[in-house]
Amino acid sequence: MNVDVPKKLDHRERVTPVRFLIQPVRGLASAGQPVDPEGVPVLADVWRRGSLLYRVEGDSMTPTLNDGDRVYVDPSETELREGRIYICEIPGDGHTIKRVRRLDDGQLWLVSDNPAYRPWRPSEMRIVGRVYYHDPVGGRL
């Protein structure tokens, strides 16, 4: 990653400090155990108390989410809503991260943002929570 760093700051420029917290990564989209139990920095101004941190694995949600990105998940938001992204636990398959869409049949389906993947409607799942922040890109969802 290339970052341009000024050699000298102009005394009239303001630098806004960024606060971080350390939070454990709860798992990959395909596994539920903490990936880094020691924790990784998260944006303190965005992090909600009780949130979970997951790392995206795979390309099914590109271009929105990319392999290796981190997502902040609110486990208090488990009611599926059209267009939102959720972490779901599928018995026997682990965790998945998908967008919820209402298709032509009127039912809610788990849909990848990458068109190479088909919509999916598992017979059984547990909603872990709604993704509300995407890092490192840092876009609110």
Protein backbone atom coordinates (compact mmCIF):
# COMPACT_ATOMS: atom_id res chain seq x y z
CA MET A 1 0.00 0.00 0.00
CA ASN A 2 1.49 3.35 -1.05
CA VAL A 3 0.75 6.31 1.16
CA ASP A 4 2.00 9.81 0.50
CA VAL A 5 3.36 11.28 3.70
CA PRO A 6 4.10 15.00 3.71
CA LYS A 7 7.68 15.86 4.65
CA LYS A 8 6.46 18.81 6.69
CA LEU A 9 2.99 19.67 7.98
CA ASP A 10 1.72 23.19 7.56
CA HIS A 11 1.11 24.62 11.05
CA ARG A 12 -2.34 25.78 9.88
CA GLU A 13 -3.47 22.24 8.99
CA ARG A 14 -5.51 20.32 11.51
CA VAL A 15 -4.86 16.67 12.11
CA THR A 16 -7.85 14.70 13.36
CA PRO A 17 -6.83 11.92 15.75
CA VAL A 18 -8.31 8.47 15.14
CA ARG A 19 -9.07 6.33 18.20
CA PHE A 20 -8.79 2.55 18.10
CA LEU A 21 -9.96 -0.27 20.38
CA ILE A 22 -8.61 -3.83 20.37
CA GLN A 23 -11.28 -6.49 19.63
CA PRO A 24 -10.98 -10.23 18.89
CA VAL A 25 -11.81 -11.46 15.41
CA ARG A 26 -14.67 -13.93 16.03
CA GLY A 27 -14.09 -16.04 12.95
CA LEU A 28 -13.99 -16.44 9.23
CA ALA A 29 -17.13 -16.68 7.14
CA SER A 30 -16.46 -20.42 7.11
CA ALA A 31 -15.44 -20.93 10.76
CA GLY A 32 -16.79 -19.65 14.06
CA GLN A 33 -13.83 -19.76 16.43
CA PRO A 34 -11.82 -16.58 17.13
CA VAL A 35 -9.14 -16.08 14.51
CA ASP A 36 -7.04 -13.77 16.67
CA PRO A 37 -8.05 -14.05 20.34
CA GLU A 38 -5.53 -11.35 21.26
CA GLY A 39 -7.49 -8.87 19.19
CA VAL A 40 -6.94 -6.43 16.36
CA PRO A 41 -7.51 -2.66 16.22
CA VAL A 42 -11.03 -1.50 15.39
CA LEU A 43 -12.29 2.06 14.98
CA ALA A 44 -13.43 3.16 18.43
CA ASP A 45 -15.86 5.77 17.08
CA VAL A 46 -17.65 3.13 14.98
CA TRP A 47 -17.47 0.06 17.25
CA ARG A 48 -20.71 -0.72 19.10
CA ARG A 49 -20.57 -2.35 22.53
CA GLY A 50 -21.34 -6.07 22.20
CA SER A 51 -20.40 -6.20 18.51
CA LEU A 52 -18.54 -9.11 16.90
CA LEU A 53 -15.64 -8.87 14.46
CA TYR A 54 -15.39 -11.29 11.50
CA ARG A 55 -12.92 -11.59 8.65
CA VAL A 56 -14.37 -12.20 5.17
CA GLU A 57 -13.14 -15.32 3.40
CA GLY A 58 -13.75 -15.85 -0.30
CA ASP A 59 -15.08 -13.79 -3.20
CA SER A 60 -18.84 -14.37 -3.08
CA MET A 61 -19.52 -10.84 -1.80
CA THR A 62 -17.22 -8.93 -4.15
CA PRO A 63 -17.23 -6.14 -5.10
CA THR A 64 -18.83 -5.06 -1.79
CA LEU A 65 -16.68 -7.20 0.52
CA ASN A 66 -13.34 -8.70 -0.43
CA ASP A 67 -11.35 -11.65 0.87
CA GLY A 68 -9.53 -10.58 4.04
CA ASP A 69 -11.75 -7.57 4.81
CA ARG A 70 -13.09 -7.26 8.33
CA VAL A 71 -16.73 -6.62 9.15
CA TYR A 72 -18.33 -5.36 12.36
CA VAL A 73 -21.47 -7.34 13.25
CA ASP A 74 -24.29 -6.31 15.58
CA PRO A 75 -25.65 -9.51 17.21
CA SER A 76 -28.72 -7.66 18.49
CA GLU A 77 -29.93 -7.22 14.89
CA THR A 78 -31.14 -10.70 13.92
CA GLU A 79 -34.40 -9.90 12.14
CA LEU A 80 -33.74 -10.27 8.41
CA ARG A 81 -34.40 -7.13 6.37
CA GLU A 82 -34.32 -6.81 2.60
CA GLY A 83 -31.01 -5.58 1.19
CA ARG A 84 -28.98 -5.87 4.41
CA ILE A 85 -25.90 -8.08 4.90
CA TYR A 86 -25.80 -10.68 7.68
CA ILE A 87 -23.51 -13.32 9.15
CA CYS A 88 -25.46 -16.59 9.33
CA GLU A 89 -24.48 -19.89 10.91
CA ILE A 90 -25.52 -22.88 8.81
CA PRO A 91 -25.53 -26.17 10.76
CA GLY A 92 -22.84 -28.42 9.30
CA ASP A 93 -21.46 -25.66 7.02
CA GLY A 94 -20.19 -23.01 9.46
CA HIS A 95 -20.65 -19.29 8.95
CA THR A 96 -21.53 -17.42 5.78
CA ILE A 97 -21.88 -13.74 4.96
CA LYS A 98 -24.67 -12.84 2.52
CA ARG A 99 -27.10 -10.13 1.51
CA VAL A 100 -30.82 -10.80 2.05
CA ARG A 101 -33.08 -10.37 -0.99
CA ARG A 102 -36.77 -11.08 -1.61
CA LEU A 103 -36.91 -12.93 -4.93
CA ASP A 104 -39.80 -13.51 -7.34
CA ASP A 105 -41.26 -16.25 -5.13
CA GLY A 106 -41.75 -13.67 -2.34
CA GLN A 107 -39.33 -15.50 -0.01
CA LEU A 108 -36.16 -14.08 1.54
CA TRP A 109 -33.01 -15.62 0.08
CA LEU A 110 -29.30 -15.35 0.90
CA VAL A 111 -27.69 -13.72 -2.13
CA SER A 112 -24.05 -13.09 -3.04
CA ASP A 113 -23.07 -9.72 -4.51
CA ASN A 114 -20.84 -11.62 -6.94
CA PRO A 115 -23.16 -12.77 -9.79
CA ALA A 116 -21.08 -15.94 -10.25
CA TYR A 117 -22.86 -17.39 -7.19
CA ARG A 118 -26.50 -18.49 -7.07
CA PRO A 119 -29.03 -17.36 -4.42
CA TRP A 120 -29.30 -19.78 -1.53
CA ARG A 121 -32.08 -20.67 0.89
CA PRO A 122 -30.77 -23.06 3.56
CA SER A 123 -33.33 -25.27 5.29
CA GLU A 124 -31.90 -24.27 8.66
CA MET A 125 -29.76 -21.36 9.89
CA ARG A 126 -29.09 -19.09 12.85
CA ILE A 127 -28.67 -15.35 12.28
CA VAL A 128 -25.50 -14.22 14.09
CA GLY A 129 -26.12 -10.54 13.36
CA ARG A 130 -26.19 -7.74 10.82
CA VAL A 131 -23.02 -6.34 9.29
CA TYR A 132 -23.00 -2.60 10.02
CA TYR A 133 -19.44 -1.62 9.12
CA HIS A 134 -16.82 -2.78 6.63
CA ASP A 135 -13.09 -2.39 7.28
CA PRO A 136 -10.50 -1.72 5.80
CA VAL A 137 -12.49 0.04 3.09
CA GLY A 138 -14.59 1.57 5.86
CA GLY A 139 -18.01 1.92 4.27
CA ARG A 140 -21.15 1.81 6.35
CA LEU A 141 -23.63 -0.84 5.24
